[in-house]
Structures are given as structure tokens and as C-alpha cells.
Amino acid sequence: ESGNLHGCPVAFAMGLEIETWPPHFKWLAELSNFVKPEQITYIGLRDVDAGEKKILRDLGITAFSMYHVDKYGINEVVQRAMKAVCPTGKT
């Protein structure tokens, strides 16, 4: 709804709002291997609106804004992001 395109492909990969998908993509709804929220981390977000923040919070998606990058540095943010998606450090 926000119009920010970064969320559209991710929502699609997660299988969200299948009822709004174009008819030629409906067959994908039968798949069970959609991306899970805990497998996603955003780095460098800017201008996140209230609706987007709610979605991130409700789904439990880890997100680092540019504030975090500026405050902690990209190396620290990437380490935190990797730990969020793979807490054990093993793939």
C-alpha cells in the first residue's frame, strides 16, 4: 500500500496476499517453500512509513535503518543481520 517497491517482491516471495496476485501467478500459491520472515533482514532502510513499520514488527522481520548503519557501521550491522537470519552461524 505504501508504494515502495522493495516490499513487493519480498511479499510475493513470502506468499503474502495471494488473493491479490494476477491470475497467471495463482499456481504458485500451492507451493509450500515460501520465504519465512525469520529468513529476511533489511539493511539501510530509509523513510519507512507507519504501515511498513507495523508489517515488519507484526511479521518479526529484522530491519536496520540508515540510522543503525551510521551509528554502528556497516560491518556491525551486517554481523547483526547475519546473526538474525542464522543464529547458529551455520547454514
N, C-alpha and C. Protein backbone atom coordinates (compact mmCIF):
# COMPACT_ATOMS: atom_id res chain seq x y z
N GLU A 1 0.80 -1.20 0.00
CA GLU A 1 0.00 0.00 0.00
C GLU A 1 0.84 1.26 0.00
N SER A 2 2.05 1.16 0.54
CA SER A 2 2.88 2.36 0.64
C SER A 2 3.41 2.79 -0.72
N GLY A 3 3.47 1.86 -1.65
CA GLY A 3 4.01 2.18 -2.96
C GLY A 3 5.50 1.96 -3.06
N ASN A 4 6.14 1.57 -1.96
CA ASN A 4 7.57 1.29 -2.00
C ASN A 4 7.79 -0.08 -2.61
N LEU A 5 8.56 -0.11 -3.67
CA LEU A 5 8.73 -1.35 -4.43
C LEU A 5 9.57 -2.40 -3.73
N HIS A 6 10.41 -2.00 -2.76
CA HIS A 6 11.26 -3.00 -2.12
C HIS A 6 10.44 -4.07 -1.40
N GLY A 7 9.26 -3.74 -0.97
CA GLY A 7 8.44 -4.72 -0.26
C GLY A 7 7.64 -5.63 -1.16
N CYS A 8 7.37 -5.21 -2.37
CA CYS A 8 6.53 -6.01 -3.27
C CYS A 8 7.14 -7.36 -3.62
N PRO A 9 8.39 -7.43 -4.07
CA PRO A 9 8.97 -8.74 -4.38
C PRO A 9 9.10 -9.62 -3.14
N VAL A 10 9.39 -9.02 -2.00
CA VAL A 10 9.51 -9.80 -0.78
C VAL A 10 8.16 -10.36 -0.36
N ALA A 11 7.12 -9.55 -0.43
CA ALA A 11 5.77 -10.03 -0.11
C ALA A 11 5.39 -11.19 -1.03
N PHE A 12 5.74 -11.08 -2.29
CA PHE A 12 5.46 -12.13 -3.26
C PHE A 12 6.23 -13.40 -2.88
N ALA A 13 7.52 -13.26 -2.56
CA ALA A 13 8.34 -14.42 -2.21
C ALA A 13 7.87 -15.09 -0.92
N MET A 14 7.21 -14.30 -0.07
CA MET A 14 6.69 -14.85 1.18
C MET A 14 5.30 -15.45 1.01
N GLY A 15 4.69 -15.23 -0.14
CA GLY A 15 3.35 -15.76 -0.38
C GLY A 15 2.26 -14.96 0.30
N LEU A 16 2.52 -13.69 0.56
CA LEU A 16 1.53 -12.84 1.22
C LEU A 16 0.49 -12.32 0.24
N GLU A 17 -0.71 -12.16 0.71
CA GLU A 17 -1.81 -11.59 -0.07
C GLU A 17 -1.99 -12.29 -1.43
N ILE A 18 -1.99 -13.60 -1.39
CA ILE A 18 -2.13 -14.40 -2.61
C ILE A 18 -3.39 -14.03 -3.38
N GLU A 19 -4.43 -13.64 -2.67
CA GLU A 19 -5.69 -13.31 -3.34
C GLU A 19 -5.56 -12.10 -4.27
N THR A 20 -4.52 -11.31 -4.11
CA THR A 20 -4.33 -10.13 -4.97
C THR A 20 -3.39 -10.40 -6.14
N TRP A 21 -2.84 -11.59 -6.21
CA TRP A 21 -1.90 -11.92 -7.28
C TRP A 21 -2.61 -11.99 -8.62
N PRO A 22 -1.92 -11.64 -9.69
CA PRO A 22 -2.50 -11.81 -11.03
C PRO A 22 -2.82 -13.29 -11.28
N PRO A 23 -3.83 -13.58 -12.07
CA PRO A 23 -4.26 -14.96 -12.29
C PRO A 23 -3.14 -15.90 -12.75
N HIS A 24 -2.22 -15.42 -13.58
CA HIS A 24 -1.18 -16.31 -14.09
C HIS A 24 -0.13 -16.68 -13.03
N PHE A 25 -0.22 -16.11 -11.82
CA PHE A 25 0.68 -16.48 -10.73
C PHE A 25 -0.01 -17.32 -9.65
N LYS A 26 -1.30 -17.54 -9.78
CA LYS A 26 -2.08 -18.22 -8.74
C LYS A 26 -1.56 -19.64 -8.46
N TRP A 27 -1.00 -20.29 -9.46
CA TRP A 27 -0.50 -21.65 -9.26
C TRP A 27 0.62 -21.69 -8.22
N LEU A 28 1.32 -20.58 -8.03
CA LEU A 28 2.40 -20.53 -7.04
C LEU A 28 1.88 -20.67 -5.62
N ALA A 29 0.61 -20.38 -5.41
CA ALA A 29 0.02 -20.48 -4.07
C ALA A 29 0.08 -21.90 -3.53
N GLU A 30 0.20 -22.88 -4.41
CA GLU A 30 0.26 -24.28 -3.99
C GLU A 30 1.63 -24.66 -3.44
N LEU A 31 2.62 -23.83 -3.65
CA LEU A 31 3.96 -24.12 -3.16
C LEU A 31 4.01 -23.95 -1.64
N SER A 32 4.88 -24.69 -1.01
CA SER A 32 4.98 -24.59 0.44
C SER A 32 6.33 -24.03 0.89
N ASN A 33 7.17 -23.70 -0.06
CA ASN A 33 8.52 -23.25 0.30
C ASN A 33 8.71 -21.75 0.15
N PHE A 34 7.74 -21.00 0.63
CA PHE A 34 7.86 -19.54 0.60
C PHE A 34 8.93 -19.10 1.60
N VAL A 35 9.49 -17.94 1.37
CA VAL A 35 10.47 -17.37 2.28
C VAL A 35 9.78 -17.03 3.60
N LYS A 36 10.43 -17.39 4.70
CA LYS A 36 9.87 -17.12 6.03
C LYS A 36 10.40 -15.79 6.56
N PRO A 37 9.62 -15.10 7.38
CA PRO A 37 10.06 -13.80 7.90
C PRO A 37 11.41 -13.83 8.60
N GLU A 38 11.70 -14.93 9.30
CA GLU A 38 12.97 -15.02 10.02
C GLU A 38 14.16 -15.20 9.07
N GLN A 39 13.90 -15.41 7.79
CA GLN A 39 14.96 -15.53 6.79
C GLN A 39 15.26 -14.20 6.11
N ILE A 40 14.63 -13.13 6.56
CA ILE A 40 14.76 -11.83 5.91
C ILE A 40 15.34 -10.81 6.87
N THR A 41 16.28 -10.03 6.38
CA THR A 41 16.79 -8.88 7.12
C THR A 41 16.97 -7.75 6.14
N TYR A 42 16.42 -6.62 6.46
CA TYR A 42 16.61 -5.41 5.65
C TYR A 42 17.75 -4.60 6.25
N ILE A 43 18.59 -4.06 5.40
CA ILE A 43 19.68 -3.19 5.82
C ILE A 43 19.59 -1.89 5.04
N GLY A 44 19.68 -0.77 5.76
CA GLY A 44 19.73 0.53 5.11
C GLY A 44 18.38 1.13 4.75
N LEU A 45 17.33 0.75 5.47
CA LEU A 45 16.01 1.29 5.16
C LEU A 45 15.97 2.79 5.44
N ARG A 46 15.23 3.48 4.59
CA ARG A 46 15.01 4.92 4.74
C ARG A 46 13.51 5.18 4.59
N ASP A 47 13.04 6.20 5.24
CA ASP A 47 11.66 6.66 5.07
C ASP A 47 10.64 5.54 5.17
N VAL A 48 10.73 4.76 6.22
CA VAL A 48 9.78 3.68 6.44
C VAL A 48 8.52 4.28 7.07
N ASP A 49 7.38 4.10 6.40
CA ASP A 49 6.15 4.69 6.94
C ASP A 49 5.56 3.81 8.04
N ALA A 50 4.57 4.33 8.73
CA ALA A 50 3.98 3.64 9.88
C ALA A 50 3.42 2.27 9.50
N GLY A 51 2.79 2.18 8.34
CA GLY A 51 2.25 0.90 7.89
C GLY A 51 3.34 -0.14 7.65
N GLU A 52 4.43 0.30 7.06
CA GLU A 52 5.55 -0.62 6.82
C GLU A 52 6.18 -1.06 8.14
N LYS A 53 6.33 -0.14 9.07
CA LYS A 53 6.88 -0.49 10.39
C LYS A 53 6.01 -1.53 11.08
N LYS A 54 4.70 -1.37 10.96
CA LYS A 54 3.77 -2.33 11.58
C LYS A 54 3.93 -3.71 10.95
N ILE A 55 4.04 -3.75 9.63
CA ILE A 55 4.22 -5.03 8.94
C ILE A 55 5.51 -5.70 9.39
N LEU A 56 6.60 -4.95 9.41
CA LEU A 56 7.89 -5.51 9.85
C LEU A 56 7.78 -6.04 11.28
N ARG A 57 7.16 -5.27 12.15
CA ARG A 57 7.01 -5.66 13.55
C ARG A 57 6.10 -6.89 13.67
N ASP A 58 4.94 -6.86 13.00
CA ASP A 58 3.99 -7.97 13.09
C ASP A 58 4.57 -9.28 12.56
N LEU A 59 5.37 -9.19 11.51
CA LEU A 59 5.95 -10.39 10.92
C LEU A 59 7.26 -10.80 11.58
N GLY A 60 7.81 -9.92 12.42
CA GLY A 60 9.07 -10.23 13.09
C GLY A 60 10.27 -10.17 12.16
N ILE A 61 10.20 -9.32 11.15
CA ILE A 61 11.31 -9.17 10.21
C ILE A 61 12.33 -8.20 10.81
N THR A 62 13.59 -8.62 10.84
CA THR A 62 14.66 -7.77 11.33
C THR A 62 14.95 -6.69 10.31
N ALA A 63 15.08 -5.46 10.78
CA ALA A 63 15.34 -4.34 9.87
C ALA A 63 16.30 -3.35 10.52
N PHE A 64 17.27 -2.92 9.73
CA PHE A 64 18.22 -1.90 10.16
C PHE A 64 18.08 -0.71 9.23
N SER A 65 17.85 0.43 9.82
CA SER A 65 17.73 1.65 9.02
C SER A 65 19.11 2.25 8.79
N MET A 66 19.14 3.33 8.03
CA MET A 66 20.40 4.04 7.83
C MET A 66 20.90 4.62 9.15
N TYR A 67 19.99 4.90 10.07
CA TYR A 67 20.40 5.35 11.40
C TYR A 67 21.33 4.32 12.03
N HIS A 68 20.94 3.04 11.95
CA HIS A 68 21.75 1.97 12.53
C HIS A 68 23.10 1.85 11.82
N VAL A 69 23.08 1.95 10.50
CA VAL A 69 24.32 1.88 9.73
C VAL A 69 25.26 3.02 10.12
N ASP A 70 24.71 4.21 10.23
CA ASP A 70 25.52 5.37 10.62
C ASP A 70 26.04 5.24 12.06
N LYS A 71 25.20 4.74 12.95
CA LYS A 71 25.57 4.65 14.36
C LYS A 71 26.58 3.53 14.63
N TYR A 72 26.34 2.34 14.06
CA TYR A 72 27.15 1.17 14.38
C TYR A 72 28.18 0.82 13.30
N GLY A 73 28.00 1.34 12.10
CA GLY A 73 28.88 0.98 10.99
C GLY A 73 28.34 -0.22 10.25
N ILE A 74 28.65 -0.29 8.98
CA ILE A 74 28.09 -1.36 8.14
C ILE A 74 28.57 -2.74 8.58
N ASN A 75 29.82 -2.86 9.04
CA ASN A 75 30.32 -4.18 9.46
C ASN A 75 29.51 -4.74 10.62
N GLU A 76 29.25 -3.91 11.63
CA GLU A 76 28.47 -4.35 12.78
C GLU A 76 27.03 -4.68 12.38
N VAL A 77 26.45 -3.87 11.53
CA VAL A 77 25.07 -4.11 11.10
C VAL A 77 24.99 -5.42 10.31
N VAL A 78 25.93 -5.66 9.44
CA VAL A 78 25.92 -6.92 8.67
C VAL A 78 26.09 -8.11 9.61
N GLN A 79 26.97 -8.00 10.60
CA GLN A 79 27.13 -9.09 11.56
C GLN A 79 25.82 -9.36 12.31
N ARG A 80 25.15 -8.29 12.73
CA ARG A 80 23.87 -8.45 13.43
C ARG A 80 22.81 -9.04 12.50
N ALA A 81 22.82 -8.61 11.25
CA ALA A 81 21.85 -9.13 10.28
C ALA A 81 22.08 -10.62 10.05
N MET A 82 23.33 -11.01 9.90
CA MET A 82 23.64 -12.43 9.69
C MET A 82 23.24 -13.26 10.91
N LYS A 83 23.48 -12.73 12.09
CA LYS A 83 23.08 -13.45 13.30
C LYS A 83 21.56 -13.58 13.39
N ALA A 84 20.85 -12.57 12.91
CA ALA A 84 19.39 -12.62 12.94
C ALA A 84 18.84 -13.71 12.02
N VAL A 85 19.43 -13.88 10.85
CA VAL A 85 18.91 -14.88 9.90
C VAL A 85 19.52 -16.26 10.13
N CYS A 86 20.66 -16.29 10.80
CA CYS A 86 21.32 -17.58 11.06
C CYS A 86 21.98 -17.54 12.43
N PRO A 87 21.19 -17.66 13.50
CA PRO A 87 21.71 -17.50 14.86
C PRO A 87 22.86 -18.44 15.22
N THR A 88 22.88 -19.63 14.63
CA THR A 88 23.94 -20.60 14.95
C THR A 88 25.22 -20.34 14.17
N GLY A 89 25.13 -19.54 13.13
CA GLY A 89 26.30 -19.28 12.29
C GLY A 89 26.56 -20.38 11.28
N LYS A 90 25.67 -21.37 11.24
CA LYS A 90 25.82 -22.50 10.30
C LYS A 90 24.67 -22.47 9.31
N THR A 91 24.97 -22.82 8.07
CA THR A 91 23.92 -22.85 7.05
C THR A 91 23.48 -24.25 6.77
